[in-house]
Amino acid sequence: MVKSSNCRCVFGPHFPEIQPVSPV
């Protein structure tokens, strides 16, 4: 749980499709 603000990239290894949800 490094940055769980508005990015679910934390679950990358489980949900690689959620990585693009990161607020870049």
N, C-alpha and C. Protein backbone atom coordinates (compact mmCIF):
# COMPACT_ATOMS: atom_id res chain seq x y z
N MET A 1 0.84 -1.20 0.00
CA MET A 1 0.00 0.00 0.00
C MET A 1 0.88 1.25 0.00
N VAL A 2 1.60 1.44 -1.07
CA VAL A 2 2.49 2.60 -1.14
C VAL A 2 1.66 3.86 -1.35
N LYS A 3 0.96 3.93 -2.48
CA LYS A 3 0.10 5.10 -2.68
C LYS A 3 -1.30 4.62 -3.02
N SER A 4 -2.20 4.71 -2.07
CA SER A 4 -3.57 4.24 -2.31
C SER A 4 -4.50 5.44 -2.36
N SER A 5 -4.04 6.55 -2.94
CA SER A 5 -4.90 7.73 -3.02
C SER A 5 -6.02 7.47 -4.02
N ASN A 6 -5.74 7.67 -5.30
CA ASN A 6 -6.80 7.43 -6.30
C ASN A 6 -6.27 6.47 -7.35
N CYS A 7 -5.25 5.70 -6.98
CA CYS A 7 -4.65 4.78 -7.95
C CYS A 7 -4.68 3.37 -7.42
N ARG A 8 -5.24 2.45 -8.19
CA ARG A 8 -5.31 1.07 -7.72
C ARG A 8 -4.19 0.24 -8.32
N CYS A 9 -3.13 0.92 -8.75
CA CYS A 9 -2.02 0.20 -9.37
C CYS A 9 -1.40 -0.74 -8.34
N VAL A 10 -1.82 -0.61 -7.06
CA VAL A 10 -1.27 -1.46 -6.01
C VAL A 10 -1.65 -2.91 -6.29
N PHE A 11 -2.78 -3.09 -6.97
CA PHE A 11 -3.24 -4.44 -7.27
C PHE A 11 -2.77 -4.87 -8.66
N GLY A 12 -1.72 -4.24 -9.13
CA GLY A 12 -1.18 -4.52 -10.47
C GLY A 12 -1.03 -6.02 -10.70
N PRO A 13 -0.35 -6.73 -9.80
CA PRO A 13 -0.11 -8.17 -9.98
C PRO A 13 -1.41 -8.96 -10.04
N HIS A 14 -2.50 -8.37 -9.59
CA HIS A 14 -3.78 -9.07 -9.60
C HIS A 14 -4.71 -8.48 -10.66
N PHE A 15 -4.63 -7.16 -10.81
CA PHE A 15 -5.48 -6.49 -11.80
C PHE A 15 -4.65 -5.55 -12.65
N PRO A 16 -3.95 -6.07 -13.62
CA PRO A 16 -3.08 -5.26 -14.48
C PRO A 16 -3.88 -4.26 -15.30
N GLU A 17 -5.19 -4.46 -15.37
CA GLU A 17 -6.01 -3.53 -16.16
C GLU A 17 -6.34 -2.30 -15.32
N ILE A 18 -6.05 -2.34 -14.03
CA ILE A 18 -6.37 -1.20 -13.17
C ILE A 18 -5.19 -0.26 -13.09
N GLN A 19 -4.05 -0.65 -13.63
CA GLN A 19 -2.87 0.21 -13.59
C GLN A 19 -3.11 1.54 -14.30
N PRO A 20 -3.75 1.54 -15.48
CA PRO A 20 -4.01 2.78 -16.20
C PRO A 20 -4.94 3.72 -15.43
N VAL A 21 -5.46 3.27 -14.31
CA VAL A 21 -6.36 4.11 -13.52
C VAL A 21 -5.55 5.12 -12.71
N SER A 22 -4.24 4.95 -12.71
CA SER A 22 -3.39 5.85 -11.92
C SER A 22 -3.57 7.30 -12.38
N PRO A 23 -3.70 8.23 -11.44
CA PRO A 23 -3.87 9.66 -11.75
C PRO A 23 -2.57 10.27 -12.22
N VAL A 24 -2.20 10.06 -13.46
CA VAL A 24 -0.89 10.53 -13.93
C VAL A 24 -0.91 12.02 -14.20
